[in-house]
PDB file of N, CA and C in Angstrom:
ATOM      1  N   MET A   1      77.209 152.887 110.616  1.00  0.00           N
ATOM      2  CA  MET A   1      78.201 152.440 111.038  1.00  0.00           C
ATOM      3  C   MET A   1      78.426 153.733 112.633  1.00  0.00           C
ATOM      4  N   LYS A   2      78.640 154.876 112.043  1.00  0.00           N
ATOM      5  CA  LYS A   2      78.802 155.783 113.454  1.00  0.00           C
ATOM      6  C   LYS A   2      77.680 155.693 114.380  1.00  0.00           C
ATOM      7  N   LYS A   3      76.516 155.193 113.909  1.00  0.00           N
ATOM      8  CA  LYS A   3      75.445 155.306 115.085  1.00  0.00           C
ATOM      9  C   LYS A   3      75.475 153.867 115.893  1.00  0.00           C
ATOM     10  N   LEU A   4      76.234 152.953 115.353  1.00  0.00           N
ATOM     11  CA  LEU A   4      76.216 151.665 115.840  1.00  0.00           C
ATOM     12  C   LEU A   4      77.595 151.888 116.952  1.00  0.00           C
ATOM     13  N   LYS A   5      78.416 152.467 116.374  1.00  0.00           N
ATOM     14  CA  LYS A   5      79.638 152.721 117.534  1.00  0.00           C
ATOM     15  C   LYS A   5      79.272 153.694 118.676  1.00  0.00           C
ATOM     16  N   GLY A   6      78.368 154.867 118.332  1.00  0.00           N
ATOM     17  CA  GLY A   6      77.880 155.364 119.376  1.00  0.00           C
ATOM     18  C   GLY A   6      77.232 154.793 120.373  1.00  0.00           C
ATOM     19  N   ILE A   7      76.220 154.004 120.141  1.00  0.00           N
ATOM     20  CA  ILE A   7      75.543 153.019 120.960  1.00  0.00           C
ATOM     21  C   ILE A   7      76.226 152.066 121.767  1.00  0.00           C
ATOM     22  N   LEU A   8      77.365 151.367 120.944  1.00  0.00           N
ATOM     23  CA  LEU A   8      77.869 150.658 121.862  1.00  0.00           C
ATOM     24  C   LEU A   8      78.847 151.386 122.958  1.00  0.00           C
ATOM     25  N   SER A   9      79.516 152.493 122.666  1.00  0.00           N
ATOM     26  CA  SER A   9      80.295 153.364 123.396  1.00  0.00           C
ATOM     27  C   SER A   9      79.350 153.594 124.496  1.00  0.00           C
ATOM     28  N   ILE A  10      77.968 154.055 124.509  1.00  0.00           N
ATOM     29  CA  ILE A  10      77.135 154.511 125.340  1.00  0.00           C
ATOM     30  C   ILE A  10      76.864 152.877 126.495  1.00  0.00           C
ATOM     31  N   PHE A  11      76.546 151.803 125.779  1.00  0.00           N
ATOM     32  CA  PHE A  11      76.081 150.803 126.464  1.00  0.00           C
ATOM     33  C   PHE A  11      77.876 150.313 127.354  1.00  0.00           C
ATOM     34  N   LEU A  12      78.680 150.236 126.771  1.00  0.00           N
ATOM     35  CA  LEU A  12      79.872 150.131 127.543  1.00  0.00           C
ATOM     36  C   LEU A  12      80.253 151.282 128.674  1.00  0.00           C
ATOM     37  N   VAL A  13      79.874 152.462 128.659  1.00  0.00           N
ATOM     38  CA  VAL A  13      80.024 153.260 129.835  1.00  0.00           C
ATOM     39  C   VAL A  13      78.902 153.146 130.774  1.00  0.00           C
ATOM     40  N   LEU A  14      78.117 152.408 130.623  1.00  0.00           N
ATOM     41  CA  LEU A  14      76.777 152.493 131.456  1.00  0.00           C
ATOM     42  C   LEU A  14      77.357 150.891 132.323  1.00  0.00           C
ATOM     43  N   ALA A  15      77.779 149.932 131.273  1.00  0.00           N
ATOM     44  CA  ALA A  15      77.857 148.919 132.023  1.00  0.00           C
ATOM     45  C   ALA A  15      79.176 148.879 133.013  1.00  0.00           C
ATOM     46  N   LEU A  16      80.138 150.007 132.766  1.00  0.00           N
ATOM     47  CA  LEU A  16      81.541 150.486 133.492  1.00  0.00           C
ATOM     48  C   LEU A  16      80.669 151.152 134.962  1.00  0.00           C
ATOM     49  N   ILE A  17      79.980 151.629 134.497  1.00  0.00           N
ATOM     50  CA  ILE A  17      79.452 152.457 135.634  1.00  0.00           C
ATOM     51  C   ILE A  17      78.549 151.691 136.775  1.00  0.00           C
ATOM     52  N   CYS A  18      78.111 150.837 136.120  1.00  0.00           N
ATOM     53  CA  CYS A  18      77.231 149.556 137.098  1.00  0.00           C
ATOM     54  C   CYS A  18      78.133 148.609 137.932  1.00  0.00           C
ATOM     55  N   THR A  19      79.396 148.186 137.214  1.00  0.00           N
ATOM     56  CA  THR A  19      80.418 147.558 137.589  1.00  0.00           C
ATOM     57  C   THR A  19      80.877 148.410 138.836  1.00  0.00           C
ATOM     58  N   CYS A  20      81.223 149.471 138.740  1.00  0.00           N
ATOM     59  CA  CYS A  20      81.862 150.562 139.793  1.00  0.00           C
ATOM     60  C   CYS A  20      81.141 150.684 140.818  1.00  0.00           C
ATOM     61  N   VAL A  21      79.475 151.006 140.834  1.00  0.00           N
ATOM     62  CA  VAL A  21      78.525 150.812 141.915  1.00  0.00           C
ATOM     63  C   VAL A  21      78.530 149.793 142.507  1.00  0.00           C
ATOM     64  N   ALA A  22      78.142 148.312 141.768  1.00  0.00           N
ATOM     65  CA  ALA A  22      78.112 147.365 142.308  1.00  0.00           C
ATOM     66  C   ALA A  22      79.628 147.021 143.351  1.00  0.00           C
ATOM     67  N   PHE A  23      80.932 147.075 143.011  1.00  0.00           N
ATOM     68  CA  PHE A  23      81.605 147.045 143.703  1.00  0.00           C
ATOM     69  C   PHE A  23      81.987 147.955 144.827  1.00  0.00           C
ATOM     70  N   ALA A  24      81.546 149.019 144.651  1.00  0.00           N
ATOM     71  CA  ALA A  24      81.478 150.001 146.076  1.00  0.00           C
ATOM     72  C   ALA A  24      80.691 149.690 147.022  1.00  0.00           C
ATOM     73  N   THR A  25      79.625 149.182 146.514  1.00  0.00           N
ATOM     74  CA  THR A  25      78.199 148.949 147.486  1.00  0.00           C
ATOM     75  C   THR A  25      78.675 147.547 147.977  1.00  0.00           C
ATOM     76  N   THR A  26      79.433 146.646 147.445  1.00  0.00           N
ATOM     77  CA  THR A  26      79.985 145.492 147.961  1.00  0.00           C
ATOM     78  C   THR A  26      80.951 145.789 148.907  1.00  0.00           C
ATOM     79  N   ALA A  27      81.739 146.740 148.790  1.00  0.00           N
ATOM     80  CA  ALA A  27      83.043 146.810 150.014  1.00  0.00           C
ATOM     81  C   ALA A  27      82.706 147.399 150.773  1.00  0.00           C
ATOM     82  N   GLN A  28      81.618 148.353 150.722  1.00  0.00           N
ATOM     83  CA  GLN A  28      80.963 149.163 151.796  1.00  0.00           C
ATOM     84  C   GLN A  28      80.370 148.226 152.909  1.00  0.00           C
ATOM     85  N   ALA A  29      79.441 147.226 152.303  1.00  0.00           N
ATOM     86  CA  ALA A  29      78.760 146.149 153.257  1.00  0.00           C
ATOM     87  C   ALA A  29      79.713 145.210 153.972  1.00  0.00           C
ATOM     88  N   ALA A  30      80.577 144.990 153.126  1.00  0.00           N
ATOM     89  CA  ALA A  30      81.785 144.046 153.640  1.00  0.00           C
ATOM     90  C   ALA A  30      82.516 144.958 154.963  1.00  0.00           C
ATOM     91  N   ASP A  31      82.702 145.969 154.693  1.00  0.00           N
ATOM     92  CA  ASP A  31      83.596 147.064 155.931  1.00  0.00           C
ATOM     93  C   ASP A  31      82.669 147.034 156.958  1.00  0.00           C
ATOM     94  N   THR A  32      81.192 147.193 156.838  1.00  0.00           N
ATOM     95  CA  THR A  32      80.586 147.382 157.854  1.00  0.00           C
ATOM     96  C   THR A  32      80.097 146.081 158.483  1.00  0.00           C
ATOM     97  N   ALA A  33      80.179 144.763 157.638  1.00  0.00           N
ATOM     98  CA  ALA A  33      80.320 143.665 158.639  1.00  0.00           C
ATOM     99  C   ALA A  33      81.003 143.512 159.419  1.00  0.00           C
ATOM    100  N   LYS A  34      82.288 143.766 159.026  1.00  0.00           N
ATOM    101  CA  LYS A  34      83.680 143.824 160.034  1.00  0.00           C
ATOM    102  C   LYS A  34      83.664 144.459 161.124  1.00  0.00           C
ATOM    103  N   GLY A  35      83.005 145.532 160.998  1.00  0.00           N
ATOM    104  CA  GLY A  35      83.219 146.455 162.285  1.00  0.00           C
ATOM    105  C   GLY A  35      84.221 147.230 162.182  1.00  0.00           C
ATOM    106  N   LYS A  36      84.186 148.366 163.228  1.00  0.00           N
ATOM    107  CA  LYS A  36      85.226 149.432 162.923  1.00  0.00           C
ATOM    108  C   LYS A  36      86.622 148.842 163.011  1.00  0.00           C
ATOM    109  N   THR A  37      87.106 147.739 163.306  1.00  0.00           N
ATOM    110  CA  THR A  37      88.736 147.329 162.900  1.00  0.00           C
ATOM    111  C   THR A  37      88.831 146.842 161.954  1.00  0.00           C
ATOM    112  N   GLY A  38      87.987 146.435 160.927  1.00  0.00           N
ATOM    113  CA  GLY A  38      88.420 146.277 159.798  1.00  0.00           C
ATOM    114  C   GLY A  38      88.778 144.896 159.398  1.00  0.00           C
ATOM    115  N   LEU A  39      88.809 144.232 160.487  1.00  0.00           N
ATOM    116  CA  LEU A  39      89.323 142.636 160.752  1.00  0.00           C
ATOM    117  C   LEU A  39      88.610 141.683 161.001  1.00  0.00           C
ATOM    118  N   ASP A  40      88.332 140.941 160.342  1.00  0.00           N
ATOM    119  CA  ASP A  40      87.378 139.620 160.534  1.00  0.00           C
ATOM    120  C   ASP A  40      88.110 138.312 160.644  1.00  0.00           C
ATOM    121  N   THR A  41      88.556 138.184 161.602  1.00  0.00           N
ATOM    122  CA  THR A  41      89.406 136.849 162.262  1.00  0.00           C
ATOM    123  C   THR A  41      88.722 135.442 162.162  1.00  0.00           C
ATOM    124  N   LYS A  42      87.252 135.817 162.091  1.00  0.00           N
ATOM    125  CA  LYS A  42      86.581 134.270 162.193  1.00  0.00           C
ATOM    126  C   LYS A  42      87.049 133.320 161.282  1.00  0.00           C
ATOM    127  N   LEU A  43      87.412 132.277 161.624  1.00  0.00           N
ATOM    128  CA  LEU A  43      87.912 131.068 160.962  1.00  0.00           C
ATOM    129  C   LEU A  43      86.723 130.115 160.434  1.00  0.00           C
ATOM    130  N   GLN A  44      86.763 129.425 159.596  1.00  0.00           N
ATOM    131  CA  GLN A  44      85.656 128.604 159.019  1.00  0.00           C
ATOM    132  C   GLN A  44      85.828 127.279 159.667  1.00  0.00           C
ATOM    133  N   ASP A  45      84.889 126.237 159.758  1.00  0.00           N
ATOM    134  CA  ASP A  45      85.317 124.868 160.300  1.00  0.00           C
ATOM    135  C   ASP A  45      85.765 124.303 159.394  1.00  0.00           C
ATOM    136  N   LYS A  46      85.529 124.436 158.096  1.00  0.00           N
ATOM    137  CA  LYS A  46      86.114 123.603 156.988  1.00  0.00           C
ATOM    138  C   LYS A  46      86.569 124.701 156.030  1.00  0.00           C
ATOM    139  N   ILE A  47      87.991 124.154 155.475  1.00  0.00           N
ATOM    140  CA  ILE A  47      88.513 124.823 154.566  1.00  0.00           C
ATOM    141  C   ILE A  47      87.814 125.255 153.601  1.00  0.00           C
ATOM    142  N   GLU A  48      87.046 124.400 152.846  1.00  0.00           N
ATOM    143  CA  GLU A  48      86.024 124.473 151.698  1.00  0.00           C
ATOM    144  C   GLU A  48      85.246 126.087 151.926  1.00  0.00           C
ATOM    145  N   ASP A  49      84.831 126.468 153.009  1.00  0.00           N
ATOM    146  CA  ASP A  49      83.739 127.209 153.664  1.00  0.00           C
ATOM    147  C   ASP A  49      84.734 128.793 153.433  1.00  0.00           C
ATOM    148  N   GLY A  50      86.031 128.870 153.524  1.00  0.00           N
ATOM    149  CA  GLY A  50      86.743 130.142 153.410  1.00  0.00           C
ATOM    150  C   GLY A  50      87.193 130.445 151.986  1.00  0.00           C
ATOM    151  N   VAL A  51      87.813 131.396 152.250  1.00  0.00           N
ATOM    152  CA  VAL A  51      88.714 131.870 150.932  1.00  0.00           C
ATOM    153  C   VAL A  51      90.156 131.909 150.949  1.00  0.00           C
ATOM    154  N   ILE A  52      90.814 131.108 150.056  1.00  0.00           N
ATOM    155  CA  ILE A  52      92.091 130.827 150.134  1.00  0.00           C
ATOM    156  C   ILE A  52      92.808 131.862 149.214  1.00  0.00           C
ATOM    157  N   LEU A  53      93.982 132.300 150.078  1.00  0.00           N
ATOM    158  CA  LEU A  53      95.083 133.030 148.912  1.00  0.00           C
ATOM    159  C   LEU A  53      95.908 132.183 148.351  1.00  0.00           C
ATOM    160  N   HIS A  54      96.194 132.324 147.027  1.00  0.00           N
ATOM    161  CA  HIS A  54      96.943 131.322 146.619  1.00  0.00           C
ATOM    162  C   HIS A  54      98.345 132.009 146.308  1.00  0.00           C
ATOM    163  N   ALA A  55      99.496 131.853 147.183  1.00  0.00           N
ATOM    164  CA  ALA A  55     100.366 132.748 147.183  1.00  0.00           C
ATOM    165  C   ALA A  55     102.025 131.973 146.863  1.00  0.00           C
ATOM    166  N   LEU A  56     101.568 131.399 145.460  1.00  0.00           N
ATOM    167  CA  LEU A  56     102.746 130.721 144.953  1.00  0.00           C
ATOM    168  C   LEU A  56     103.959 131.097 144.672  1.00  0.00           C
ATOM    169  N   CYS A  57     104.031 132.775 144.472  1.00  0.00           N
ATOM    170  CA  CYS A  57     105.475 133.178 144.475  1.00  0.00           C
ATOM    171  C   CYS A  57     105.807 133.915 145.380  1.00  0.00           C
ATOM    172  N   TRP A  58     105.145 133.971 146.538  1.00  0.00           N
ATOM    173  CA  TRP A  58     105.622 134.464 147.836  1.00  0.00           C
ATOM    174  C   TRP A  58     106.474 133.489 148.822  1.00  0.00           C
ATOM    175  N   GLY A  59     107.568 134.115 149.311  1.00  0.00           N
ATOM    176  CA  GLY A  59     108.376 133.385 150.334  1.00  0.00           C
ATOM    177  C   GLY A  59     107.366 133.255 151.677  1.00  0.00           C
ATOM    178  N   TYR A  60     107.833 132.287 152.411  1.00  0.00           N
ATOM    179  CA  TYR A  60     107.232 132.253 153.871  1.00  0.00           C
ATOM    180  C   TYR A  60     107.379 133.779 154.541  1.00  0.00           C
ATOM    181  N   SER A  61     108.442 134.158 154.559  1.00  0.00           N
ATOM    182  CA  SER A  61     108.681 135.485 155.284  1.00  0.00           C
ATOM    183  C   SER A  61     107.818 136.421 154.899  1.00  0.00           C
ATOM    184  N   ALA A  62     107.646 136.686 153.353  1.00  0.00           N
ATOM    185  CA  ALA A  62     106.563 137.630 153.006  1.00  0.00           C
ATOM    186  C   ALA A  62     105.196 137.207 153.683  1.00  0.00           C
ATOM    187  N   ILE A  63     104.700 136.268 153.545  1.00  0.00           N
ATOM    188  CA  ILE A  63     103.299 135.856 154.056  1.00  0.00           C
ATOM    189  C   ILE A  63     103.223 136.164 155.504  1.00  0.00           C
ATOM    190  N   GLU A  64     104.187 135.694 156.431  1.00  0.00           N
ATOM    191  CA  GLU A  64     104.123 136.157 157.695  1.00  0.00           C
ATOM    192  C   GLU A  64     104.073 137.332 157.918  1.00  0.00           C
ATOM    193  N   LYS A  65     105.072 138.153 157.301  1.00  0.00           N
ATOM    194  CA  LYS A  65     104.622 139.981 157.510  1.00  0.00           C
ATOM    195  C   LYS A  65     103.508 140.384 157.277  1.00  0.00           C
ATOM    196  N   ASN A  66     102.636 139.669 156.217  1.00  0.00           N
ATOM    197  CA  ASN A  66     101.489 140.134 155.649  1.00  0.00           C
ATOM    198  C   ASN A  66     100.253 139.665 156.129  1.00  0.00           C
ATOM    199  N   ILE A  67     100.529 138.830 157.421  1.00  0.00           N
ATOM    200  CA  ILE A  67      99.254 137.645 157.706  1.00  0.00           C
ATOM    201  C   ILE A  67      98.253 138.961 158.181  1.00  0.00           C
ATOM    202  N   PRO A  68      98.409 140.246 158.764  1.00  0.00           N
ATOM    203  CA  PRO A  68      97.382 140.955 159.160  1.00  0.00           C
ATOM    204  C   PRO A  68      96.733 141.631 157.891  1.00  0.00           C
ATOM    205  N   ALA A  69      97.405 141.844 156.771  1.00  0.00           N
ATOM    206  CA  ALA A  69      96.738 142.317 155.604  1.00  0.00           C
ATOM    207  C   ALA A  69      95.946 141.582 155.264  1.00  0.00           C
ATOM    208  N   ILE A  70      96.483 140.037 154.942  1.00  0.00           N
ATOM    209  CA  ILE A  70      95.695 139.084 154.241  1.00  0.00           C
ATOM    210  C   ILE A  70      94.649 138.677 154.986  1.00  0.00           C
ATOM    211  N   ALA A  71      94.563 138.687 156.151  1.00  0.00           N
ATOM    212  CA  ALA A  71      93.428 138.580 156.976  1.00  0.00           C
ATOM    213  C   ALA A  71      92.108 139.724 156.785  1.00  0.00           C
ATOM    214  N   ALA A  72      92.827 140.897 156.828  1.00  0.00           N
ATOM    215  CA  ALA A  72      91.798 142.238 156.650  1.00  0.00           C
ATOM    216  C   ALA A  72      91.039 141.968 155.360  1.00  0.00           C
ATOM    217  N   ALA A  73      91.961 141.486 154.357  1.00  0.00           N
ATOM    218  CA  ALA A  73      91.345 141.298 153.051  1.00  0.00           C
ATOM    219  C   ALA A  73      90.348 140.320 152.844  1.00  0.00           C
ATOM    220  N   GLY A  74      90.100 139.285 153.848  1.00  0.00           N
ATOM    221  CA  GLY A  74      88.960 138.316 153.899  1.00  0.00           C
ATOM    222  C   GLY A  74      89.717 137.210 153.699  1.00  0.00           C
ATOM    223  N   TYR A  75      90.756 136.852 153.387  1.00  0.00           N
ATOM    224  CA  TYR A  75      91.160 135.301 153.104  1.00  0.00           C
ATOM    225  C   TYR A  75      91.263 134.815 154.666  1.00  0.00           C
ATOM    226  N   SER A  76      90.982 133.457 154.528  1.00  0.00           N
ATOM    227  CA  SER A  76      90.980 132.958 155.775  1.00  0.00           C
ATOM    228  C   SER A  76      92.030 131.482 155.730  1.00  0.00           C
ATOM    229  N   ALA A  77      92.184 131.556 154.789  1.00  0.00           N
ATOM    230  CA  ALA A  77      93.902 130.203 154.663  1.00  0.00           C
ATOM    231  C   ALA A  77      94.797 130.905 153.588  1.00  0.00           C
ATOM    232  N   VAL A  78      96.119 130.403 153.613  1.00  0.00           N
ATOM    233  CA  VAL A  78      96.940 130.590 152.542  1.00  0.00           C
ATOM    234  C   VAL A  78      97.343 129.431 151.984  1.00  0.00           C
TER     235      VAL A  78
END
């Protein structure tokens, strides 16, 4: 039973490390694609092609104040 727990622990650690590496690689590629400003403001032709932020609990003023951060995060619609 201890051997099984040890093998499972090693597997979970490796899975976590792989996930972190994949996330870091994806984030770095996205930053490179956006250029030095970090802000990609290109809008999509159709809303279905973009990424939508569902801000259900946000007020209009909070959304308006955070538009630059929302755009920098890659969302193209709210």
